[in-house]
Amino acid sequence: MSEAEKQETGSHPEWEDRMVEMAGEAAENFTRFSLNVMSLPLMALPEKSRDHARRALSEFAIAFMTFPREVAENVEHTMEHMAGEEGAEKMKKPRNVARRASAFADRLVRTAEEFNTDTNK
């Protein structure tokens, strides 16, 4: 994209990428913190029950966090279908948003999986 096109569209990909990365890190830390806080009451349970409850909590978090990725993929496919082939070429911005949403969800799912892995240690 030329400098003139960036000024015309108001697009700043480097800035947007940094903001998405910062939001991803913040969400990842918040997710890790939230899962640990929610698991605190589980300490009162016997070991096997505690492990099962932590795994269930992790699975619930994973199910909840994959939702944005699935929505983004469905929106992308629907937009491509509605726009046709020539309209799909013009939709680079929505595709970029869909990819970012998918990467964001993947990052949060990895955090929840790490939480589950910590249970097994």
PDB file of N, CA and C in Angstrom:
ATOM      1  N   MET A   1       0.859  -1.169   0.000  1.00  0.00           N
ATOM      2  CA  MET A   1       0.000   0.000   0.000  1.00  0.00           C
ATOM      3  C   MET A   1       0.900   1.224   0.000  1.00  0.00           C
ATOM      4  N   SER A   2       0.651   2.155  -0.917  1.00  0.00           N
ATOM      5  CA  SER A   2       1.485   3.350  -1.002  1.00  0.00           C
ATOM      6  C   SER A   2       1.175   4.292   0.153  1.00  0.00           C
ATOM      7  N   GLU A   3       2.065   5.249   0.358  1.00  0.00           N
ATOM      8  CA  GLU A   3       1.884   6.217   1.445  1.00  0.00           C
ATOM      9  C   GLU A   3       0.618   7.035   1.232  1.00  0.00           C
ATOM     10  N   ALA A   4       0.350   7.388  -0.038  1.00  0.00           N
ATOM     11  CA  ALA A   4      -0.858   8.162  -0.356  1.00  0.00           C
ATOM     12  C   ALA A   4      -2.118   7.354  -0.031  1.00  0.00           C
ATOM     13  N   GLU A   5      -2.094   6.048  -0.338  1.00  0.00           N
ATOM     14  CA  GLU A   5      -3.245   5.198  -0.039  1.00  0.00           C
ATOM     15  C   GLU A   5      -3.455   5.071   1.461  1.00  0.00           C
ATOM     16  N   LYS A   6      -2.333   4.983   2.206  1.00  0.00           N
ATOM     17  CA  LYS A   6      -2.457   4.899   3.673  1.00  0.00           C
ATOM     18  C   LYS A   6      -3.099   6.152   4.233  1.00  0.00           C
ATOM     19  N   GLN A   7      -2.670   7.327   3.710  1.00  0.00           N
ATOM     20  CA  GLN A   7      -3.237   8.579   4.201  1.00  0.00           C
ATOM     21  C   GLN A   7      -4.699   8.702   3.803  1.00  0.00           C
ATOM     22  N   GLU A   8      -5.031   8.247   2.592  1.00  0.00           N
ATOM     23  CA  GLU A   8      -6.398   8.332   2.095  1.00  0.00           C
ATOM     24  C   GLU A   8      -7.345   7.459   2.905  1.00  0.00           C
ATOM     25  N   THR A   9      -6.912   6.248   3.222  1.00  0.00           N
ATOM     26  CA  THR A   9      -7.781   5.310   3.952  1.00  0.00           C
ATOM     27  C   THR A   9      -7.636   5.432   5.460  1.00  0.00           C
ATOM     28  N   GLY A  10      -6.606   6.135   5.911  1.00  0.00           N
ATOM     29  CA  GLY A  10      -6.372   6.249   7.348  1.00  0.00           C
ATOM     30  C   GLY A  10      -5.818   4.972   7.944  1.00  0.00           C
ATOM     31  N   SER A  11      -5.247   4.116   7.123  1.00  0.00           N
ATOM     32  CA  SER A  11      -4.738   2.826   7.572  1.00  0.00           C
ATOM     33  C   SER A  11      -3.306   2.953   8.072  1.00  0.00           C
ATOM     34  N   HIS A  12      -3.049   2.357   9.194  1.00  0.00           N
ATOM     35  CA  HIS A  12      -1.703   2.315   9.773  1.00  0.00           C
ATOM     36  C   HIS A  12      -1.464   0.888  10.246  1.00  0.00           C
ATOM     37  N   PRO A  13      -1.073  -0.018   9.315  1.00  0.00           N
ATOM     38  CA  PRO A  13      -0.966  -1.437   9.669  1.00  0.00           C
ATOM     39  C   PRO A  13      -0.008  -1.722  10.813  1.00  0.00           C
ATOM     40  N   GLU A  14       1.108  -1.002  10.898  1.00  0.00           N
ATOM     41  CA  GLU A  14       2.065  -1.268  11.982  1.00  0.00           C
ATOM     42  C   GLU A  14       1.448  -0.942  13.331  1.00  0.00           C
ATOM     43  N   TRP A  15       0.776   0.197  13.392  1.00  0.00           N
ATOM     44  CA  TRP A  15       0.126   0.614  14.637  1.00  0.00           C
ATOM     45  C   TRP A  15      -0.980  -0.369  15.000  1.00  0.00           C
ATOM     46  N   GLU A  16      -1.773  -0.759  14.005  1.00  0.00           N
ATOM     47  CA  GLU A  16      -2.855  -1.705  14.256  1.00  0.00           C
ATOM     48  C   GLU A  16      -2.302  -3.039  14.747  1.00  0.00           C
ATOM     49  N   ASP A  17      -1.226  -3.503  14.149  1.00  0.00           N
ATOM     50  CA  ASP A  17      -0.617  -4.771  14.568  1.00  0.00           C
ATOM     51  C   ASP A  17      -0.125  -4.693  16.008  1.00  0.00           C
ATOM     52  N   ARG A  18       0.501  -3.569  16.364  1.00  0.00           N
ATOM     53  CA  ARG A  18       0.981  -3.422  17.753  1.00  0.00           C
ATOM     54  C   ARG A  18      -0.176  -3.391  18.739  1.00  0.00           C
ATOM     55  N   MET A  19      -1.255  -2.711  18.371  1.00  0.00           N
ATOM     56  CA  MET A  19      -2.418  -2.636  19.259  1.00  0.00           C
ATOM     57  C   MET A  19      -3.053  -4.019  19.434  1.00  0.00           C
ATOM     58  N   VAL A  20      -3.142  -4.767  18.350  1.00  0.00           N
ATOM     59  CA  VAL A  20      -3.706  -6.122  18.429  1.00  0.00           C
ATOM     60  C   VAL A  20      -2.815  -6.999  19.304  1.00  0.00           C
ATOM     61  N   GLU A  21      -1.512  -6.877  19.145  1.00  0.00           N
ATOM     62  CA  GLU A  21      -0.577  -7.662  19.958  1.00  0.00           C
ATOM     63  C   GLU A  21      -0.710  -7.303  21.443  1.00  0.00           C
ATOM     64  N   MET A  22      -0.806  -6.008  21.736  1.00  0.00           N
ATOM     65  CA  MET A  22      -0.963  -5.577  23.129  1.00  0.00           C
ATOM     66  C   MET A  22      -2.283  -6.076  23.710  1.00  0.00           C
ATOM     67  N   ALA A  23      -3.346  -6.008  22.917  1.00  0.00           N
ATOM     68  CA  ALA A  23      -4.647  -6.500  23.385  1.00  0.00           C
ATOM     69  C   ALA A  23      -4.591  -8.005  23.614  1.00  0.00           C
ATOM     70  N   GLY A  24      -3.884  -8.716  22.741  1.00  0.00           N
ATOM     71  CA  GLY A  24      -3.734 -10.161  22.898  1.00  0.00           C
ATOM     72  C   GLY A  24      -2.994 -10.518  24.173  1.00  0.00           C
ATOM     73  N   GLU A  25      -1.917  -9.790  24.457  1.00  0.00           N
ATOM     74  CA  GLU A  25      -1.162 -10.046  25.685  1.00  0.00           C
ATOM     75  C   GLU A  25      -2.006  -9.754  26.917  1.00  0.00           C
ATOM     76  N   ALA A  26      -2.746  -8.641  26.873  1.00  0.00           N
ATOM     77  CA  ALA A  26      -3.595  -8.287  28.013  1.00  0.00           C
ATOM     78  C   ALA A  26      -4.687  -9.339  28.223  1.00  0.00           C
ATOM     79  N   ALA A  27      -5.307  -9.783  27.144  1.00  0.00           N
ATOM     80  CA  ALA A  27      -6.362 -10.795  27.257  1.00  0.00           C
ATOM     81  C   ALA A  27      -5.799 -12.119  27.751  1.00  0.00           C
ATOM     82  N   GLU A  28      -4.609 -12.456  27.280  1.00  0.00           N
ATOM     83  CA  GLU A  28      -3.962 -13.700  27.718  1.00  0.00           C
ATOM     84  C   GLU A  28      -3.678 -13.652  29.220  1.00  0.00           C
ATOM     85  N   ASN A  29      -3.127 -12.539  29.698  1.00  0.00           N
ATOM     86  CA  ASN A  29      -2.846 -12.399  31.131  1.00  0.00           C
ATOM     87  C   ASN A  29      -4.135 -12.383  31.954  1.00  0.00           C
ATOM     88  N   PHE A  30      -5.151 -11.710  31.453  1.00  0.00           N
ATOM     89  CA  PHE A  30      -6.430 -11.671  32.157  1.00  0.00           C
ATOM     90  C   PHE A  30      -7.045 -13.070  32.227  1.00  0.00           C
ATOM     91  N   THR A  31      -6.958 -13.801  31.129  1.00  0.00           N
ATOM     92  CA  THR A  31      -7.496 -15.167  31.097  1.00  0.00           C
ATOM     93  C   THR A  31      -6.773 -16.057  32.094  1.00  0.00           C
ATOM     94  N   ARG A  32      -5.450 -15.988  32.094  1.00  0.00           N
ATOM     95  CA  ARG A  32      -4.656 -16.791  33.026  1.00  0.00           C
ATOM     96  C   ARG A  32      -5.020 -16.447  34.474  1.00  0.00           C
ATOM     97  N   PHE A  33      -5.101 -15.154  34.774  1.00  0.00           N
ATOM     98  CA  PHE A  33      -5.447 -14.695  36.117  1.00  0.00           C
ATOM     99  C   PHE A  33      -6.850 -15.165  36.503  1.00  0.00           C
ATOM    100  N   SER A  34      -7.804 -15.001  35.579  1.00  0.00           N
ATOM    101  CA  SER A  34      -9.196 -15.383  35.865  1.00  0.00           C
ATOM    102  C   SER A  34      -9.334 -16.877  36.135  1.00  0.00           C
ATOM    103  N   LEU A  35      -8.679 -17.680  35.315  1.00  0.00           N
ATOM    104  CA  LEU A  35      -8.754 -19.128  35.529  1.00  0.00           C
ATOM    105  C   LEU A  35      -8.153 -19.521  36.872  1.00  0.00           C
ATOM    106  N   ASN A  36      -7.063 -18.892  37.237  1.00  0.00           N
ATOM    107  CA  ASN A  36      -6.450 -19.207  38.535  1.00  0.00           C
ATOM    108  C   ASN A  36      -7.329 -18.760  39.698  1.00  0.00           C
ATOM    109  N   VAL A  37      -7.942 -17.586  39.588  1.00  0.00           N
ATOM    110  CA  VAL A  37      -8.829 -17.108  40.651  1.00  0.00           C
ATOM    111  C   VAL A  37     -10.054 -18.014  40.763  1.00  0.00           C
ATOM    112  N   MET A  38     -10.629 -18.405  39.615  1.00  0.00           N
ATOM    113  CA  MET A  38     -11.811 -19.275  39.655  1.00  0.00           C
ATOM    114  C   MET A  38     -11.476 -20.653  40.214  1.00  0.00           C
ATOM    115  N   SER A  39     -10.225 -21.059  40.108  1.00  0.00           N
ATOM    116  CA  SER A  39      -9.858 -22.388  40.598  1.00  0.00           C
ATOM    117  C   SER A  39      -9.483 -22.385  42.085  1.00  0.00           C
ATOM    118  N   LEU A  40      -9.361 -21.226  42.702  1.00  0.00           N
ATOM    119  CA  LEU A  40      -8.992 -21.173  44.125  1.00  0.00           C
ATOM    120  C   LEU A  40      -9.931 -21.970  45.028  1.00  0.00           C
ATOM    121  N   PRO A  41     -11.251 -21.845  44.874  1.00  0.00           N
ATOM    122  CA  PRO A  41     -12.133 -22.627  45.756  1.00  0.00           C
ATOM    123  C   PRO A  41     -11.976 -24.134  45.578  1.00  0.00           C
ATOM    124  N   LEU A  42     -11.418 -24.541  44.459  1.00  0.00           N
ATOM    125  CA  LEU A  42     -11.241 -25.972  44.211  1.00  0.00           C
ATOM    126  C   LEU A  42     -10.200 -26.593  45.141  1.00  0.00           C
ATOM    127  N   MET A  43      -9.412 -25.768  45.778  1.00  0.00           N
ATOM    128  CA  MET A  43      -8.375 -26.271  46.686  1.00  0.00           C
ATOM    129  C   MET A  43      -8.981 -27.056  47.846  1.00  0.00           C
ATOM    130  N   ALA A  44     -10.240 -26.779  48.142  1.00  0.00           N
ATOM    131  CA  ALA A  44     -10.897 -27.472  49.258  1.00  0.00           C
ATOM    132  C   ALA A  44     -11.340 -28.885  48.869  1.00  0.00           C
ATOM    133  N   LEU A  45     -11.326 -29.188  47.593  1.00  0.00           N
ATOM    134  CA  LEU A  45     -11.779 -30.502  47.130  1.00  0.00           C
ATOM    135  C   LEU A  45     -10.669 -31.545  47.264  1.00  0.00           C
ATOM    136  N   PRO A  46     -11.052 -32.813  47.337  1.00  0.00           N
ATOM    137  CA  PRO A  46     -10.039 -33.877  47.290  1.00  0.00           C
ATOM    138  C   PRO A  46      -9.303 -33.818  45.942  1.00  0.00           C
ATOM    139  N   GLU A  47      -8.117 -34.392  45.909  1.00  0.00           N
ATOM    140  CA  GLU A  47      -7.232 -34.245  44.748  1.00  0.00           C
ATOM    141  C   GLU A  47      -7.878 -34.652  43.419  1.00  0.00           C
ATOM    142  N   LYS A  48      -8.485 -35.826  43.355  1.00  0.00           N
ATOM    143  CA  LYS A  48      -9.073 -36.279  42.084  1.00  0.00           C
ATOM    144  C   LYS A  48     -10.223 -35.378  41.651  1.00  0.00           C
ATOM    145  N   SER A  49     -11.064 -35.009  42.582  1.00  0.00           N
ATOM    146  CA  SER A  49     -12.178 -34.117  42.264  1.00  0.00           C
ATOM    147  C   SER A  49     -11.664 -32.761  41.804  1.00  0.00           C
ATOM    148  N   ARG A  50     -10.628 -32.281  42.465  1.00  0.00           N
ATOM    149  CA  ARG A  50     -10.021 -30.999  42.105  1.00  0.00           C
ATOM    150  C   ARG A  50      -9.474 -31.053  40.677  1.00  0.00           C
ATOM    151  N   ASP A  51      -8.786 -32.134  40.341  1.00  0.00           N
ATOM    152  CA  ASP A  51      -8.234 -32.278  38.989  1.00  0.00           C
ATOM    153  C   ASP A  51      -9.341 -32.305  37.935  1.00  0.00           C
ATOM    154  N   HIS A  52     -10.413 -33.048  38.210  1.00  0.00           N
ATOM    155  CA  HIS A  52     -11.531 -33.109  37.272  1.00  0.00           C
ATOM    156  C   HIS A  52     -12.185 -31.728  37.110  1.00  0.00           C
ATOM    157  N   ALA A  53     -12.352 -31.030  38.212  1.00  0.00           N
ATOM    158  CA  ALA A  53     -12.986 -29.707  38.166  1.00  0.00           C
ATOM    159  C   ALA A  53     -12.113 -28.710  37.400  1.00  0.00           C
ATOM    160  N   ARG A  54     -10.794 -28.775  37.609  1.00  0.00           N
ATOM    161  CA  ARG A  54      -9.890 -27.867  36.869  1.00  0.00           C
ATOM    162  C   ARG A  54      -9.912 -28.185  35.374  1.00  0.00           C
ATOM    163  N   ARG A  55      -9.948 -29.466  35.028  1.00  0.00           N
ATOM    164  CA  ARG A  55     -10.025 -29.831  33.607  1.00  0.00           C
ATOM    165  C   ARG A  55     -11.341 -29.339  33.002  1.00  0.00           C
ATOM    166  N   ALA A  56     -12.429 -29.486  33.763  1.00  0.00           N
ATOM    167  CA  ALA A  56     -13.731 -29.017  33.275  1.00  0.00           C
ATOM    168  C   ALA A  56     -13.719 -27.496  33.086  1.00  0.00           C
ATOM    169  N   LEU A  57     -13.115 -26.792  34.015  1.00  0.00           N
ATOM    170  CA  LEU A  57     -12.998 -25.342  33.906  1.00  0.00           C
ATOM    171  C   LEU A  57     -12.188 -24.964  32.671  1.00  0.00           C
ATOM    172  N   SER A  58     -11.124 -25.678  32.428  1.00  0.00           N
ATOM    173  CA  SER A  58     -10.292 -25.431  31.255  1.00  0.00           C
ATOM    174  C   SER A  58     -11.067 -25.712  29.971  1.00  0.00           C
ATOM    175  N   GLU A  59     -11.785 -26.820  29.928  1.00  0.00           N
ATOM    176  CA  GLU A  59     -12.572 -27.157  28.733  1.00  0.00           C
ATOM    177  C   GLU A  59     -13.660 -26.126  28.476  1.00  0.00           C
ATOM    178  N   PHE A  60     -14.302 -25.651  29.547  1.00  0.00           N
ATOM    179  CA  PHE A  60     -15.314 -24.609  29.390  1.00  0.00           C
ATOM    180  C   PHE A  60     -14.683 -23.349  28.803  1.00  0.00           C
ATOM    181  N   ALA A  61     -13.527 -22.976  29.312  1.00  0.00           N
ATOM    182  CA  ALA A  61     -12.842 -21.787  28.812  1.00  0.00           C
ATOM    183  C   ALA A  61     -12.470 -21.952  27.338  1.00  0.00           C
ATOM    184  N   ILE A  62     -11.984 -23.124  26.974  1.00  0.00           N
ATOM    185  CA  ILE A  62     -11.619 -23.382  25.575  1.00  0.00           C
ATOM    186  C   ILE A  62     -12.855 -23.280  24.686  1.00  0.00           C
ATOM    187  N   ALA A  63     -13.966 -23.871  25.114  1.00  0.00           N
ATOM    188  CA  ALA A  63     -15.204 -23.812  24.328  1.00  0.00           C
ATOM    189  C   ALA A  63     -15.658 -22.368  24.152  1.00  0.00           C
ATOM    190  N   PHE A  64     -15.576 -21.595  25.203  1.00  0.00           N
ATOM    191  CA  PHE A  64     -15.992 -20.195  25.149  1.00  0.00           C
ATOM    192  C   PHE A  64     -15.061 -19.374  24.264  1.00  0.00           C
ATOM    193  N   MET A  65     -13.773 -19.662  24.305  1.00  0.00           N
ATOM    194  CA  MET A  65     -12.788 -18.863  23.574  1.00  0.00           C
ATOM    195  C   MET A  65     -12.710 -19.194  22.091  1.00  0.00           C
ATOM    196  N   THR A  66     -13.170 -20.357  21.691  1.00  0.00           N
ATOM    197  CA  THR A  66     -13.155 -20.670  20.262  1.00  0.00           C
ATOM    198  C   THR A  66     -14.310 -19.997  19.531  1.00  0.00           C
ATOM    199  N   PHE A  67     -15.270 -19.496  20.266  1.00  0.00           N
ATOM    200  CA  PHE A  67     -16.430 -18.854  19.659  1.00  0.00           C
ATOM    201  C   PHE A  67     -16.054 -17.688  18.743  1.00  0.00           C
ATOM    202  N   PRO A  68     -15.194 -16.730  19.148  1.00  0.00           N
ATOM    203  CA  PRO A  68     -14.845 -15.625  18.234  1.00  0.00           C
ATOM    204  C   PRO A  68     -14.212 -16.115  16.927  1.00  0.00           C
ATOM    205  N   ARG A  69     -13.392 -17.145  16.999  1.00  0.00           N
ATOM    206  CA  ARG A  69     -12.757 -17.670  15.787  1.00  0.00           C
ATOM    207  C   ARG A  69     -13.820 -18.219  14.837  1.00  0.00           C
ATOM    208  N   GLU A  70     -14.742 -18.990  15.374  1.00  0.00           N
ATOM    209  CA  GLU A  70     -15.778 -19.576  14.535  1.00  0.00           C
ATOM    210  C   GLU A  70     -16.681 -18.513  13.929  1.00  0.00           C
ATOM    211  N   VAL A  71     -17.015 -17.499  14.692  1.00  0.00           N
ATOM    212  CA  VAL A  71     -17.829 -16.403  14.169  1.00  0.00           C
ATOM    213  C   VAL A  71     -17.070 -15.687  13.056  1.00  0.00           C
ATOM    214  N   ALA A  72     -15.797 -15.398  13.277  1.00  0.00           N
ATOM    215  CA  ALA A  72     -14.994 -14.704  12.267  1.00  0.00           C
ATOM    216  C   ALA A  72     -14.911 -15.518  10.975  1.00  0.00           C
ATOM    217  N   GLU A  73     -14.707 -16.813  11.098  1.00  0.00           N
ATOM    218  CA  GLU A  73     -14.637 -17.659   9.901  1.00  0.00           C
ATOM    219  C   GLU A  73     -15.969 -17.684   9.160  1.00  0.00           C
ATOM    220  N   ASN A  74     -17.071 -17.781   9.892  1.00  0.00           N
ATOM    221  CA  ASN A  74     -18.387 -17.798   9.253  1.00  0.00           C
ATOM    222  C   ASN A  74     -18.697 -16.466   8.577  1.00  0.00           C
ATOM    223  N   VAL A  75     -18.332 -15.364   9.224  1.00  0.00           N
ATOM    224  CA  VAL A  75     -18.563 -14.050   8.632  1.00  0.00           C
ATOM    225  C   VAL A  75     -17.744 -13.903   7.362  1.00  0.00           C
ATOM    226  N   GLU A  76     -16.495 -14.331   7.407  1.00  0.00           N
ATOM    227  CA  GLU A  76     -15.630 -14.232   6.231  1.00  0.00           C
ATOM    228  C   GLU A  76     -16.216 -15.031   5.064  1.00  0.00           C
ATOM    229  N   HIS A  77     -16.637 -16.263   5.311  1.00  0.00           N
ATOM    230  CA  HIS A  77     -17.211 -17.093   4.245  1.00  0.00           C
ATOM    231  C   HIS A  77     -18.513 -16.487   3.710  1.00  0.00           C
ATOM    232  N   THR A  78     -19.336 -15.967   4.592  1.00  0.00           N
ATOM    233  CA  THR A  78     -20.603 -15.361   4.178  1.00  0.00           C
ATOM    234  C   THR A  78     -20.351 -14.122   3.322  1.00  0.00           C
ATOM    235  N   MET A  79     -19.401 -13.294   3.744  1.00  0.00           N
ATOM    236  CA  MET A  79     -19.092 -12.086   2.973  1.00  0.00           C
ATOM    237  C   MET A  79     -18.540 -12.439   1.600  1.00  0.00           C
ATOM    238  N   GLU A  80     -17.684 -13.430   1.526  1.00  0.00           N
ATOM    239  CA  GLU A  80     -17.141 -13.848   0.239  1.00  0.00           C
ATOM    240  C   GLU A  80     -18.254 -14.375  -0.663  1.00  0.00           C
ATOM    241  N   HIS A  81     -19.163 -15.140  -0.078  1.00  0.00           N
ATOM    242  CA  HIS A  81     -20.271 -15.688  -0.855  1.00  0.00           C
ATOM    243  C   HIS A  81     -21.165 -14.570  -1.381  1.00  0.00           C
ATOM    244  N   MET A  82     -21.461 -13.584  -0.554  1.00  0.00           N
ATOM    245  CA  MET A  82     -22.337 -12.498  -0.944  1.00  0.00           C
ATOM    246  C   MET A  82     -21.673 -11.563  -1.962  1.00  0.00           C
ATOM    247  N   ALA A  83     -20.375 -11.355  -1.829  1.00  0.00           N
ATOM    248  CA  ALA A  83     -19.683 -10.401  -2.688  1.00  0.00           C
ATOM    249  C   ALA A  83     -19.288 -11.002  -4.028  1.00  0.00           C
ATOM    250  N   GLY A  84     -19.197 -12.305  -4.114  1.00  0.00           N
ATOM    251  CA  GLY A  84     -18.743 -12.933  -5.347  1.00  0.00           C
ATOM    252  C   GLY A  84     -17.232 -12.817  -5.470  1.00  0.00           C
ATOM    253  N   GLU A  85     -16.699 -13.252  -6.596  1.00  0.00           N
ATOM    254  CA  GLU A  85     -15.248 -13.274  -6.779  1.00  0.00           C
ATOM    255  C   GLU A  85     -14.643 -11.883  -6.844  1.00  0.00           C
ATOM    256  N   GLU A  86     -15.252 -10.982  -7.633  1.00  0.00           N
ATOM    257  CA  GLU A  86     -14.647  -9.654  -7.774  1.00  0.00           C
ATOM    258  C   GLU A  86     -14.795  -8.829  -6.498  1.00  0.00           C
ATOM    259  N   GLY A  87     -15.889  -9.021  -5.786  1.00  0.00           N
ATOM    260  CA  GLY A  87     -16.064  -8.305  -4.528  1.00  0.00           C
ATOM    261  C   GLY A  87     -15.130  -8.827  -3.449  1.00  0.00           C
ATOM    262  N   ALA A  88     -14.786 -10.112  -3.515  1.00  0.00           N
ATOM    263  CA  ALA A  88     -13.896 -10.712  -2.516  1.00  0.00           C
ATOM    264  C   ALA A  88     -12.511 -10.075  -2.567  1.00  0.00           C
ATOM    265  N   GLU A  89     -12.076  -9.644  -3.749  1.00  0.00           N
ATOM    266  CA  GLU A  89     -10.769  -8.983  -3.875  1.00  0.00           C
ATOM    267  C   GLU A  89     -10.732  -7.682  -3.104  1.00  0.00           C
ATOM    268  N   LYS A  90     -11.860  -7.011  -3.029  1.00  0.00           N
ATOM    269  CA  LYS A  90     -11.933  -5.705  -2.363  1.00  0.00           C
ATOM    270  C   LYS A  90     -12.069  -5.837  -0.849  1.00  0.00           C
ATOM    271  N   MET A  91     -12.206  -7.054  -0.358  1.00  0.00           N
ATOM    272  CA  MET A  91     -12.478  -7.276   1.064  1.00  0.00           C
ATOM    273  C   MET A  91     -11.236  -7.675   1.845  1.00  0.00           C
ATOM    274  N   LYS A  92     -10.136  -7.043   1.616  1.00  0.00           N
ATOM    275  CA  LYS A  92      -8.919  -7.402   2.338  1.00  0.00           C
ATOM    276  C   LYS A  92      -9.029  -7.044   3.813  1.00  0.00           C
ATOM    277  N   LYS A  93      -9.636  -5.920   4.129  1.00  0.00           N
ATOM    278  CA  LYS A  93      -9.764  -5.491   5.521  1.00  0.00           C
ATOM    279  C   LYS A  93     -10.592  -6.488   6.343  1.00  0.00           C
ATOM    280  N   PRO A  94     -11.794  -6.908   5.885  1.00  0.00           N
ATOM    281  CA  PRO A  94     -12.542  -7.907   6.669  1.00  0.00           C
ATOM    282  C   PRO A  94     -11.780  -9.221   6.840  1.00  0.00           C
ATOM    283  N   ARG A  95     -11.052  -9.634   5.818  1.00  0.00           N
ATOM    284  CA  ARG A  95     -10.256 -10.857   5.942  1.00  0.00           C
ATOM    285  C   ARG A  95      -9.182 -10.694   6.998  1.00  0.00           C
ATOM    286  N   ASN A  96      -8.558  -9.527   7.024  1.00  0.00           N
ATOM    287  CA  ASN A  96      -7.523  -9.257   8.012  1.00  0.00           C
ATOM    288  C   ASN A  96      -8.114  -9.299   9.421  1.00  0.00           C
ATOM    289  N   VAL A  97      -9.296  -8.735   9.585  1.00  0.00           N
ATOM    290  CA  VAL A  97      -9.968  -8.750  10.890  1.00  0.00           C
ATOM    291  C   VAL A  97     -10.294 -10.187  11.286  1.00  0.00           C
ATOM    292  N   ALA A  98     -10.762 -10.978  10.334  1.00  0.00           N
ATOM    293  CA  ALA A  98     -11.091 -12.374  10.623  1.00  0.00           C
ATOM    294  C   ALA A  98      -9.846 -13.145  11.033  1.00  0.00           C
ATOM    295  N   ARG A  99      -8.741 -12.914  10.357  1.00  0.00           N
ATOM    296  CA  ARG A  99      -7.492 -13.598  10.731  1.00  0.00           C
ATOM    297  C   ARG A  99      -7.021 -13.185  12.123  1.00  0.00           C
ATOM    298  N   ARG A 100      -7.158 -11.903  12.412  1.00  0.00           N
ATOM    299  CA  ARG A 100      -6.752 -11.426  13.742  1.00  0.00           C
ATOM    300  C   ARG A 100      -7.630 -12.037  14.824  1.00  0.00           C
ATOM    301  N   ALA A 101      -8.932 -12.105  14.580  1.00  0.00           N
ATOM    302  CA  ALA A 101      -9.844 -12.706  15.562  1.00  0.00           C
ATOM    303  C   ALA A 101      -9.501 -14.170  15.775  1.00  0.00           C
ATOM    304  N   SER A 102      -9.167 -14.847  14.701  1.00  0.00           N
ATOM    305  CA  SER A 102      -8.802 -16.257  14.800  1.00  0.00           C
ATOM    306  C   SER A 102      -7.506 -16.429  15.588  1.00  0.00           C
ATOM    307  N   ALA A 103      -6.512 -15.603  15.298  1.00  0.00           N
ATOM    308  CA  ALA A 103      -5.237 -15.677  16.022  1.00  0.00           C
ATOM    309  C   ALA A 103      -5.431 -15.325  17.497  1.00  0.00           C
ATOM    310  N   PHE A 104      -6.292 -14.358  17.762  1.00  0.00           N
ATOM    311  CA  PHE A 104      -6.590 -13.946  19.132  1.00  0.00           C
ATOM    312  C   PHE A 104      -7.216 -15.104  19.902  1.00  0.00           C
ATOM    313  N   ALA A 105      -8.197 -15.761  19.278  1.00  0.00           N
ATOM    314  CA  ALA A 105      -8.853 -16.906  19.919  1.00  0.00           C
ATOM    315  C   ALA A 105      -7.865 -18.040  20.137  1.00  0.00           C
ATOM    316  N   ASP A 106      -7.004 -18.299  19.154  1.00  0.00           N
ATOM    317  CA  ASP A 106      -6.002 -19.357  19.300  1.00  0.00           C
ATOM    318  C   ASP A 106      -5.088 -19.080  20.491  1.00  0.00           C
ATOM    319  N   ARG A 107      -4.727 -17.833  20.665  1.00  0.00           N
ATOM    320  CA  ARG A 107      -3.849 -17.458  21.781  1.00  0.00           C
ATOM    321  C   ARG A 107      -4.531 -17.730  23.120  1.00  0.00           C
ATOM    322  N   LEU A 108      -5.800 -17.379  23.221  1.00  0.00           N
ATOM    323  CA  LEU A 108      -6.531 -17.608  24.473  1.00  0.00           C
ATOM    324  C   LEU A 108      -6.751 -19.093  24.726  1.00  0.00           C
ATOM    325  N   VAL A 109      -6.987 -19.848  23.669  1.00  0.00           N
ATOM    326  CA  VAL A 109      -7.163 -21.301  23.823  1.00  0.00           C
ATOM    327  C   VAL A 109      -5.860 -21.920  24.330  1.00  0.00           C
ATOM    328  N   ARG A 110      -4.719 -21.486  23.802  1.00  0.00           N
ATOM    329  CA  ARG A 110      -3.430 -21.999  24.288  1.00  0.00           C
ATOM    330  C   ARG A 110      -3.254 -21.693  25.772  1.00  0.00           C
ATOM    331  N   THR A 111      -3.694 -20.508  26.195  1.00  0.00           N
ATOM    332  CA  THR A 111      -3.602 -20.146  27.610  1.00  0.00           C
ATOM    333  C   THR A 111      -4.453 -21.090  28.455  1.00  0.00           C
ATOM    334  N   ALA A 112      -5.661 -21.388  28.002  1.00  0.00           N
ATOM    335  CA  ALA A 112      -6.528 -22.317  28.741  1.00  0.00           C
ATOM    336  C   ALA A 112      -5.949 -23.725  28.732  1.00  0.00           C
ATOM    337  N   GLU A 113      -5.328 -24.119  27.634  1.00  0.00           N
ATOM    338  CA  GLU A 113      -4.695 -25.440  27.578  1.00  0.00           C
ATOM    339  C   GLU A 113      -3.504 -25.518  28.529  1.00  0.00           C
ATOM    340  N   GLU A 114      -2.755 -24.424  28.648  1.00  0.00           N
ATOM    341  CA  GLU A 114      -1.644 -24.381  29.611  1.00  0.00           C
ATOM    342  C   GLU A 114      -2.176 -24.540  31.027  1.00  0.00           C
ATOM    343  N   PHE A 115      -3.309 -23.911  31.305  1.00  0.00           N
ATOM    344  CA  PHE A 115      -3.945 -24.034  32.616  1.00  0.00           C
ATOM    345  C   PHE A 115      -4.277 -25.491  32.883  1.00  0.00           C
ATOM    346  N   ASN A 116      -4.789 -26.192  31.881  1.00  0.00           N
ATOM    347  CA  ASN A 116      -5.121 -27.608  32.018  1.00  0.00           C
ATOM    348  C   ASN A 116      -3.843 -28.426  32.214  1.00  0.00           C
ATOM    349  N   THR A 117      -2.792 -28.076  31.495  1.00  0.00           N
ATOM    350  CA  THR A 117      -1.512 -28.793  31.630  1.00  0.00           C
ATOM    351  C   THR A 117      -0.927 -28.612  33.026  1.00  0.00           C
ATOM    352  N   ASP A 118      -1.087 -27.396  33.565  1.00  0.00           N
ATOM    353  CA  ASP A 118      -0.603 -27.139  34.935  1.00  0.00           C
ATOM    354  C   ASP A 118      -1.304 -28.036  35.941  1.00  0.00           C
ATOM    355  N   THR A 119      -2.545 -28.418  35.647  1.00  0.00           N
ATOM    356  CA  THR A 119      -3.322 -29.304  36.524  1.00  0.00           C
ATOM    357  C   THR A 119      -2.666 -30.673  36.616  1.00  0.00           C
ATOM    358  N   ASN A 120      -2.120 -31.114  35.500  1.00  0.00           N
ATOM    359  CA  ASN A 120      -1.565 -32.469  35.442  1.00  0.00           C
ATOM    360  C   ASN A 120      -0.175 -32.577  36.056  1.00  0.00           C
ATOM    361  N   LYS A 121       0.409 -31.480  36.481  1.00  0.00           N
ATOM    362  CA  LYS A 121       1.769 -31.523  37.067  1.00  0.00           C
ATOM    363  C   LYS A 121       1.738 -31.900  38.516  1.00  0.00           C
TER     364      LYS A 121
END
